[in-house]
C-alpha atoms as a PDB file:
ATOM      1  CA  MET A   1     -20.591   1.394  17.607  1.00  0.00           C
ATOM      2  CA  GLU A   2     -18.257   2.852  14.887  1.00  0.00           C
ATOM      3  CA  ASN A   3     -15.556   0.626  13.721  1.00  0.00           C
ATOM      4  CA  LYS A   4     -12.040   1.850  14.503  1.00  0.00           C
ATOM      5  CA  LYS A   5      -9.886   2.809  11.802  1.00  0.00           C
ATOM      6  CA  GLU A   6      -7.116   0.622  10.939  1.00  0.00           C
ATOM      7  CA  GLN A   7      -3.731   1.484  12.968  1.00  0.00           C
ATOM      8  CA  PRO A   8      -0.841   1.559  10.500  1.00  0.00           C
ATOM      9  CA  LEU A   9       1.833   0.880  12.941  1.00  0.00           C
ATOM     10  CA  VAL A  10       0.074  -2.106  14.431  1.00  0.00           C
ATOM     11  CA  SER A  11      -0.918  -3.468  10.847  1.00  0.00           C
ATOM     12  CA  LEU A  12       3.111  -2.858   9.790  1.00  0.00           C
ATOM     13  CA  LEU A  13       4.239  -4.717  13.039  1.00  0.00           C
ATOM     14  CA  VAL A  14       1.741  -7.710  12.726  1.00  0.00           C
ATOM     15  CA  SER A  15       1.872  -7.936   8.925  1.00  0.00           C
ATOM     16  CA  ILE A  16       5.320  -7.208   8.021  1.00  0.00           C
ATOM     17  CA  ILE A  17       7.865  -6.715  10.919  1.00  0.00           C
ATOM     18  CA  ILE A  18       7.082 -10.130  13.244  1.00  0.00           C
ATOM     19  CA  PRO A  19       6.785 -12.090   9.910  1.00  0.00           C
ATOM     20  CA  ALA A  20      10.157 -10.643   8.924  1.00  0.00           C
ATOM     21  CA  VAL A  21      11.892 -11.449  12.076  1.00  0.00           C
ATOM     22  CA  ILE A  22      10.424 -14.957  12.381  1.00  0.00           C
ATOM     23  CA  LEU A  23      11.604 -15.766   8.841  1.00  0.00           C
ATOM     24  CA  SER A  24      15.019 -14.402   9.533  1.00  0.00           C
ATOM     25  CA  LYS A  25      15.881 -15.290  13.045  1.00  0.00           C
ATOM     26  CA  PHE A  26      13.780 -18.134  13.876  1.00  0.00           C
ATOM     27  CA  SER A  27      13.176 -20.422  10.949  1.00  0.00           C
ATOM     28  CA  THR A  28      16.442 -22.237  11.429  1.00  0.00           C
ATOM     29  CA  GLU A  29      16.568 -25.907  12.826  1.00  0.00           C
ATOM     30  CA  GLU A  30      17.595 -24.900  16.108  1.00  0.00           C
ATOM     31  CA  TYR A  31      14.537 -22.883  16.495  1.00  0.00           C
ATOM     32  CA  LEU A  32      11.107 -23.550  14.885  1.00  0.00           C
ATOM     33  CA  GLY A  33      12.748 -25.186  11.601  1.00  0.00           C
ATOM     34  CA  VAL A  34      12.051 -24.312   8.192  1.00  0.00           C
ATOM     35  CA  ILE A  35       8.350 -25.188   7.214  1.00  0.00           C
ATOM     36  CA  PRO A  36       7.171 -24.311  10.854  1.00  0.00           C
ATOM     37  CA  GLY A  37       8.732 -21.044  10.666  1.00  0.00           C
ATOM     38  CA  PHE A  38       6.820 -20.402   7.445  1.00  0.00           C
ATOM     39  CA  LEU A  39       3.788 -21.361   8.984  1.00  0.00           C
ATOM     40  CA  VAL A  40       4.218 -19.326  12.198  1.00  0.00           C
ATOM     41  CA  ALA A  41       5.484 -16.110  10.179  1.00  0.00           C
ATOM     42  CA  LEU A  42       2.378 -16.682   7.826  1.00  0.00           C
ATOM     43  CA  SER A  43      -0.134 -16.875  11.049  1.00  0.00           C
ATOM     44  CA  PHE A  44       0.439 -13.413  12.071  1.00  0.00           C
ATOM     45  CA  PRO A  45      -1.005 -11.581   8.909  1.00  0.00           C
ATOM     46  CA  ILE A  46      -3.605 -14.221   8.593  1.00  0.00           C
ATOM     47  CA  VAL A  47      -4.787 -13.910  12.377  1.00  0.00           C
ATOM     48  CA  TYR A  48      -4.826 -10.066  11.854  1.00  0.00           C
ATOM     49  CA  ALA A  49      -6.596 -10.149   8.768  1.00  0.00           C
ATOM     50  CA  ILE A  50      -9.465 -12.169  10.294  1.00  0.00           C
ATOM     51  CA  TYR A  51      -9.668  -9.980  13.603  1.00  0.00           C
ATOM     52  CA  ASN A  52     -10.013  -7.046  11.214  1.00  0.00           C
ATOM     53  CA  LEU A  53     -12.693  -8.961   9.408  1.00  0.00           C
ATOM     54  CA  ILE A  54     -14.627  -9.758  12.261  1.00  0.00           C
ATOM     55  CA  VAL A  55     -14.142  -6.895  14.783  1.00  0.00           C
ATOM     56  CA  ARG A  56     -13.712  -4.017  12.460  1.00  0.00           C
ATOM     57  CA  LYS A  57     -15.916  -5.437   9.457  1.00  0.00           C
ATOM     58  CA  GLU A  58     -13.111  -4.692   7.000  1.00  0.00           C
ATOM     59  CA  THR A  59      -9.347  -5.274   6.080  1.00  0.00           C
ATOM     60  CA  GLY A  60      -6.972  -2.675   6.064  1.00  0.00           C
ATOM     61  CA  PHE A  61      -4.845  -2.255   3.336  1.00  0.00           C
ATOM     62  CA  ILE A  62      -1.687  -2.981   5.134  1.00  0.00           C
ATOM     63  CA  ALA A  63      -2.811  -6.106   6.387  1.00  0.00           C
ATOM     64  CA  ILE A  64      -4.223  -7.386   3.064  1.00  0.00           C
ATOM     65  CA  LEU A  65      -0.943  -6.459   1.428  1.00  0.00           C
ATOM     66  CA  GLY A  66       1.097  -8.245   4.316  1.00  0.00           C
ATOM     67  CA  PHE A  67      -1.180 -11.405   3.964  1.00  0.00           C
ATOM     68  CA  VAL A  68      -0.964 -11.698   0.501  1.00  0.00           C
ATOM     69  CA  SER A  69       2.844 -11.199   0.151  1.00  0.00           C
ATOM     70  CA  ILE A  70       3.309 -13.672   3.158  1.00  0.00           C
ATOM     71  CA  PHE A  71       1.090 -16.178   1.640  1.00  0.00           C
ATOM     72  CA  LEU A  72       2.392 -16.294  -1.585  1.00  0.00           C
ATOM     73  CA  THR A  73       6.233 -16.217  -0.366  1.00  0.00           C
ATOM     74  CA  GLY A  74       5.048 -19.195   1.949  1.00  0.00           C
ATOM     75  CA  ILE A  75       3.965 -21.317  -0.869  1.00  0.00           C
ATOM     76  CA  ILE A  76       6.918 -20.599  -2.903  1.00  0.00           C
ATOM     77  CA  GLY A  77       9.152 -21.683   0.169  1.00  0.00           C
ATOM     78  CA  VAL A  78       7.016 -24.504   1.331  1.00  0.00           C
ATOM     79  CA  PHE A  79       7.054 -26.115  -2.186  1.00  0.00           C
ATOM     80  CA  GLU A  80      10.317 -25.122  -3.033  1.00  0.00           C
ATOM     81  CA  PHE A  81       9.651 -23.201  -6.444  1.00  0.00           C
ATOM     82  CA  PRO A  82      12.436 -21.607  -7.994  1.00  0.00           C
ATOM     83  CA  THR A  83      13.845 -18.572  -6.373  1.00  0.00           C
ATOM     84  CA  GLU A  84      12.934 -16.587  -9.424  1.00  0.00           C
ATOM     85  CA  TRP A  85       9.051 -16.673  -8.785  1.00  0.00           C
ATOM     86  CA  LEU A  86       9.872 -14.759  -5.828  1.00  0.00           C
ATOM     87  CA  ALA A  87      11.154 -11.920  -7.718  1.00  0.00           C
ATOM     88  CA  VAL A  88       8.028 -12.063 -10.096  1.00  0.00           C
ATOM     89  CA  LYS A  89       5.721 -12.206  -6.677  1.00  0.00           C
ATOM     90  CA  GLU A  90       7.297  -9.128  -5.245  1.00  0.00           C
ATOM     91  CA  ALA A  91       7.173  -7.286  -8.500  1.00  0.00           C
ATOM     92  CA  ALA A  92       3.514  -8.377  -9.178  1.00  0.00           C
ATOM     93  CA  VAL A  93       1.884  -7.112  -5.879  1.00  0.00           C
ATOM     94  CA  PRO A  94       2.752  -3.327  -6.263  1.00  0.00           C
ATOM     95  CA  LEU A  95       2.388  -3.460 -10.125  1.00  0.00           C
ATOM     96  CA  LEU A  96      -1.150  -5.024  -9.791  1.00  0.00           C
ATOM     97  CA  ILE A  97      -1.957  -2.123  -7.051  1.00  0.00           C
ATOM     98  CA  GLY A  98      -0.917   0.462  -9.867  1.00  0.00           C
ATOM     99  CA  ILE A  99      -2.896  -1.340 -12.385  1.00  0.00           C
ATOM    100  CA  ALA A 100      -6.001  -1.082  -9.990  1.00  0.00           C
ATOM    101  CA  VAL A 101      -5.455   2.505  -9.538  1.00  0.00           C
ATOM    102  CA  ILE A 102      -5.973   3.229 -13.364  1.00  0.00           C
ATOM    103  CA  VAL A 103      -8.632   0.359 -14.081  1.00  0.00           C
ATOM    104  CA  SER A 104     -10.579   2.213 -10.920  1.00  0.00           C
ATOM    105  CA  LEU A 105     -10.975   5.533 -13.388  1.00  0.00           C
ATOM    106  CA  LYS A 106     -13.382   3.244 -15.559  1.00  0.00           C
ATOM    107  CA  THR A 107     -15.467   2.610 -12.520  1.00  0.00           C
ATOM    108  CA  PRO A 108     -18.162   5.006 -10.387  1.00  0.00           C
ATOM    109  CA  TYR A 109     -15.316   5.007  -7.766  1.00  0.00           C
ATOM    110  CA  PRO A 110     -11.841   6.089  -8.825  1.00  0.00           C
ATOM    111  CA  LEU A 111      -9.425   5.299  -6.077  1.00  0.00           C
ATOM    112  CA  VAL A 112      -7.591   8.713  -6.335  1.00  0.00           C
ATOM    113  CA  LYS A 113     -10.946  10.343  -5.133  1.00  0.00           C
ATOM    114  CA  LYS A 114     -11.087   8.028  -2.426  1.00  0.00           C
ATOM    115  CA  LEU A 115      -7.560   8.676  -1.426  1.00  0.00           C
ATOM    116  CA  LEU A 116      -6.968  12.271  -1.918  1.00  0.00           C
ATOM    117  CA  PHE A 117     -10.242  13.905  -3.184  1.00  0.00           C
ATOM    118  CA  ASN A 118     -12.414  13.081  -0.380  1.00  0.00           C
ATOM    119  CA  GLU A 119     -14.346  15.025   2.309  1.00  0.00           C
ATOM    120  CA  GLU A 120     -11.857  14.109   5.101  1.00  0.00           C
ATOM    121  CA  LEU A 121      -9.422  16.424   3.262  1.00  0.00           C
ATOM    122  CA  LEU A 122     -11.464  18.864   1.238  1.00  0.00           C
ATOM    123  CA  ASP A 123     -14.701  21.028   1.291  1.00  0.00           C
ATOM    124  CA  LEU A 124     -16.365  19.155  -1.668  1.00  0.00           C
ATOM    125  CA  LYS A 125     -19.423  21.004  -1.521  1.00  0.00           C
ATOM    126  CA  LEU A 126     -17.764  24.758  -1.632  1.00  0.00           C
ATOM    127  CA  ILE A 127     -15.236  23.294  -4.507  1.00  0.00           C
ATOM    128  CA  ASP A 128     -17.941  21.889  -6.520  1.00  0.00           C
ATOM    129  CA  LYS A 129     -20.004  25.129  -6.370  1.00  0.00           C
ATOM    130  CA  LYS A 130     -17.010  27.420  -7.345  1.00  0.00           C
ATOM    131  CA  LEU A 131     -15.990  24.608 -10.097  1.00  0.00           C
ATOM    132  CA  ARG A 132     -19.836  25.308 -11.507  1.00  0.00           C
ATOM    133  CA  GLU A 133     -19.284  28.979 -11.295  1.00  0.00           C
ATOM    134  CA  ASN A 134     -16.207  28.967 -13.198  1.00  0.00           C
ATOM    135  CA  ASP A 135     -17.253  26.251 -15.664  1.00  0.00           C
ATOM    136  CA  ASN A 136     -14.348  24.192 -14.743  1.00  0.00           C
ATOM    137  CA  LEU A 137     -15.694  20.672 -13.935  1.00  0.00           C
ATOM    138  CA  PHE A 138     -14.005  19.268 -17.010  1.00  0.00           C
ATOM    139  CA  GLU A 139     -10.946  20.903 -15.947  1.00  0.00           C
ATOM    140  CA  VAL A 140     -11.031  19.266 -12.366  1.00  0.00           C
ATOM    141  CA  ASP A 141     -11.700  15.684 -14.028  1.00  0.00           C
ATOM    142  CA  LYS A 142      -8.513  16.249 -16.363  1.00  0.00           C
ATOM    143  CA  MET A 143      -6.578  16.896 -13.094  1.00  0.00           C
ATOM    144  CA  LEU A 144      -7.766  13.611 -11.512  1.00  0.00           C
ATOM    145  CA  VAL A 145      -6.781  11.534 -14.159  1.00  0.00           C
ATOM    146  CA  LYS A 146      -3.302  13.087 -14.316  1.00  0.00           C
ATOM    147  CA  SER A 147      -2.833  12.543 -10.382  1.00  0.00           C
ATOM    148  CA  THR A 148      -4.074   9.070 -10.953  1.00  0.00           C
ATOM    149  CA  PHE A 149      -1.366   8.162 -13.376  1.00  0.00           C
ATOM    150  CA  MET A 150       1.196   9.726 -10.918  1.00  0.00           C
ATOM    151  CA  ILE A 151       0.162   7.416  -8.269  1.00  0.00           C
ATOM    152  CA  ALA A 152       0.056   4.393 -10.546  1.00  0.00           C
ATOM    153  CA  GLY A 153       3.665   5.434 -11.664  1.00  0.00           C
ATOM    154  CA  SER A 154       4.894   5.115  -8.134  1.00  0.00           C
ATOM    155  CA  PHE A 155       3.907   1.839  -8.039  1.00  0.00           C
ATOM    156  CA  LEU A 156       5.289   0.839 -11.244  1.00  0.00           C
ATOM    157  CA  LEU A 157       8.506   2.170  -9.739  1.00  0.00           C
ATOM    158  CA  SER A 158       8.232   0.057  -6.647  1.00  0.00           C
ATOM    159  CA  ALA A 159       7.589  -3.038  -8.721  1.00  0.00           C
ATOM    160  CA  VAL A 160      10.749  -2.462 -10.703  1.00  0.00           C
ATOM    161  CA  LEU A 161      12.672  -1.876  -7.480  1.00  0.00           C
ATOM    162  CA  ASN A 162      11.171  -4.850  -5.625  1.00  0.00           C
ATOM    163  CA  PHE A 163      12.178  -7.056  -8.523  1.00  0.00           C
ATOM    164  CA  PHE A 164      15.945  -6.137  -8.433  1.00  0.00           C
ATOM    165  CA  LEU A 165      16.261  -6.105  -4.811  1.00  0.00           C
ATOM    166  CA  THR A 166      14.873  -9.671  -4.557  1.00  0.00           C
ATOM    167  CA  LYS A 167      17.189 -10.847  -7.459  1.00  0.00           C
ATOM    168  CA  TYR A 168      20.076  -9.331  -5.293  1.00  0.00           C
ATOM    169  CA  ILE A 169      19.241 -10.571  -1.737  1.00  0.00           C
ATOM    170  CA  VAL A 170      17.581 -14.174  -2.403  1.00  0.00           C
ATOM    171  CA  VAL A 171      20.097 -16.263  -3.783  1.00  0.00           C
ATOM    172  CA  SER A 172      19.543 -19.325  -1.893  1.00  0.00           C
ATOM    173  CA  PRO A 173      17.460 -22.307  -2.822  1.00  0.00           C
ATOM    174  CA  ALA A 174      13.900 -22.413  -1.434  1.00  0.00           C
ATOM    175  CA  GLY A 175      13.041 -24.585   1.576  1.00  0.00           C
ATOM    176  CA  THR A 176      16.625 -23.911   3.190  1.00  0.00           C
ATOM    177  CA  ALA A 177      17.261 -21.906   6.376  1.00  0.00           C
ATOM    178  CA  ALA A 178      19.683 -19.646   4.202  1.00  0.00           C
ATOM    179  CA  PHE A 179      16.511 -18.811   2.033  1.00  0.00           C
ATOM    180  CA  ASN A 180      14.432 -17.994   5.273  1.00  0.00           C
ATOM    181  CA  GLU A 181      16.945 -15.711   6.343  1.00  0.00           C
ATOM    182  CA  GLU A 182      17.296 -13.884   3.136  1.00  0.00           C
ATOM    183  CA  LEU A 183      13.550 -13.725   3.039  1.00  0.00           C
ATOM    184  CA  GLY A 184      13.287 -12.101   6.214  1.00  0.00           C
ATOM    185  CA  THR A 185      15.758  -9.400   5.136  1.00  0.00           C
ATOM    186  CA  LEU A 186      13.870  -8.707   1.973  1.00  0.00           C
ATOM    187  CA  THR A 187      10.652  -8.691   3.953  1.00  0.00           C
ATOM    188  CA  ALA A 188      12.026  -6.135   6.127  1.00  0.00           C
ATOM    189  CA  LEU A 189      13.303  -4.207   3.001  1.00  0.00           C
ATOM    190  CA  SER A 190      10.346  -4.551   0.538  1.00  0.00           C
ATOM    191  CA  TYR A 191       7.720  -2.663   2.282  1.00  0.00           C
ATOM    192  CA  PRO A 192       9.934   0.485   2.447  1.00  0.00           C
ATOM    193  CA  VAL A 193      10.511  -0.072  -1.154  1.00  0.00           C
ATOM    194  CA  ILE A 194       6.825  -0.025  -1.921  1.00  0.00           C
ATOM    195  CA  ALA A 195       5.879   2.504   0.698  1.00  0.00           C
ATOM    196  CA  LEU A 196       8.583   5.096   0.557  1.00  0.00           C
ATOM    197  CA  PRO A 197       8.298   5.943  -3.069  1.00  0.00           C
ATOM    198  CA  SER A 198       4.512   5.485  -3.329  1.00  0.00           C
ATOM    199  CA  THR A 199       4.029   8.141  -0.210  1.00  0.00           C
ATOM    200  CA  ALA A 200       6.533  10.671  -1.727  1.00  0.00           C
ATOM    201  CA  VAL A 201       4.641  10.663  -4.913  1.00  0.00           C
ATOM    202  CA  MET A 202       1.288  10.751  -3.004  1.00  0.00           C
ATOM    203  CA  PHE A 203       2.294  13.839  -1.504  1.00  0.00           C
ATOM    204  CA  VAL A 204       3.545  15.478  -5.000  1.00  0.00           C
ATOM    205  CA  ALA A 205      -0.043  14.223  -6.265  1.00  0.00           C
ATOM    206  CA  LEU A 206      -2.018  15.660  -3.221  1.00  0.00           C
ATOM    207  CA  TYR A 207       0.129  19.136  -3.702  1.00  0.00           C
ATOM    208  CA  TYR A 208      -0.817  18.949  -7.434  1.00  0.00           C
ATOM    209  CA  ILE A 209      -4.415  18.611  -6.515  1.00  0.00           C
ATOM    210  CA  PHE A 210      -4.521  21.323  -4.050  1.00  0.00           C
ATOM    211  CA  LYS A 211      -2.649  23.762  -6.484  1.00  0.00           C
ATOM    212  CA  SER A 212      -5.068  22.797  -9.086  1.00  0.00           C
ATOM    213  CA  ILE A 213      -8.181  23.254  -7.202  1.00  0.00           C
ATOM    214  CA  THR A 214      -7.172  26.632  -5.758  1.00  0.00           C
ATOM    215  CA  LYS A 215      -6.421  27.648  -9.400  1.00  0.00           C
ATOM    216  CA  LEU A 216      -9.632  26.214 -10.752  1.00  0.00           C
ATOM    217  CA  THR A 217     -11.961  27.423  -8.226  1.00  0.00           C
ATOM    218  CA  GLY A 218     -10.141  30.892  -7.347  1.00  0.00           C
ATOM    219  CA  LEU A 219     -10.290  29.878  -3.693  1.00  0.00           C
ATOM    220  CA  PRO A 220      -7.354  30.388  -1.150  1.00  0.00           C
ATOM    221  CA  PHE A 221      -5.755  27.084   0.166  1.00  0.00           C
ATOM    222  CA  GLU A 222      -7.447  27.531   3.643  1.00  0.00           C
ATOM    223  CA  ASP A 223     -10.932  27.600   2.361  1.00  0.00           C
ATOM    224  CA  ILE A 224     -10.725  24.465   0.248  1.00  0.00           C
ATOM    225  CA  LEU A 225      -9.762  22.136   3.344  1.00  0.00           C
ATOM    226  CA  SER A 226     -12.252  20.327   5.200  1.00  0.00           C
ATOM    227  CA  ASP A 227     -14.023  21.573   8.041  1.00  0.00           C
ATOM    228  CA  LYS A 228     -12.204  18.870  10.163  1.00  0.00           C
ATOM    229  CA  LEU A 229      -8.669  20.039   8.874  1.00  0.00           C
ATOM    230  CA  LYS A 230      -9.712  23.631   9.718  1.00  0.00           C
ATOM    231  CA  GLU A 231     -10.621  22.856  13.130  1.00  0.00           C
ATOM    232  CA  LYS A 232      -7.103  21.127  13.798  1.00  0.00           C
ATOM    233  CA  SER A 233      -5.318  23.856  12.327  1.00  0.00           C
ATOM    234  CA  LYS A 234      -6.761  26.216  14.949  1.00  0.00           C
END
């Protein structure tokens, strides 16, 4: 049986929103308590990641991001590390993703090809044929490198925004109810800070790829789309 694809809304709810609500509203002494609140919030992305691994045989990006973020935050809170470490952690997650995007250029599987230059979006066989006919294979490689740095730049922007957002929101000592509440607010806001700029830049990169391909192949936009997208547009 074919594995179901990751459901972004479910992943967002379980890995980000529910932990944020638990941390901000239910980790005070009158409800769960500080440490139990951390552990309960952490359990949601952990259980969801295990479920994805067992049932879908893979873990989605959002689930991984939520698990890593909540796990590192939990360590900082439980062991009462200085809150400055939290700002570093919030910046490190998108920064590491951006570095991974660039490093993947040196591997046989560049992430930009998986994300934007794939058979789900484009008719790669027709594009390859036309690129060879026009002797533009090298030009398309340069285009993919440029789009890779565009995407990596979006994650760098997210890292900077996350660092200053954390410094602004989280001001209470770790291990306190106030820290948990501020952490819940941060968790709810940090994902959009990562996702919105990255999504906007990804659309710009996708537009740049489409425009470059139509120019390099001489094909109209409709012809470079995959058969699946052509069927959906009918």
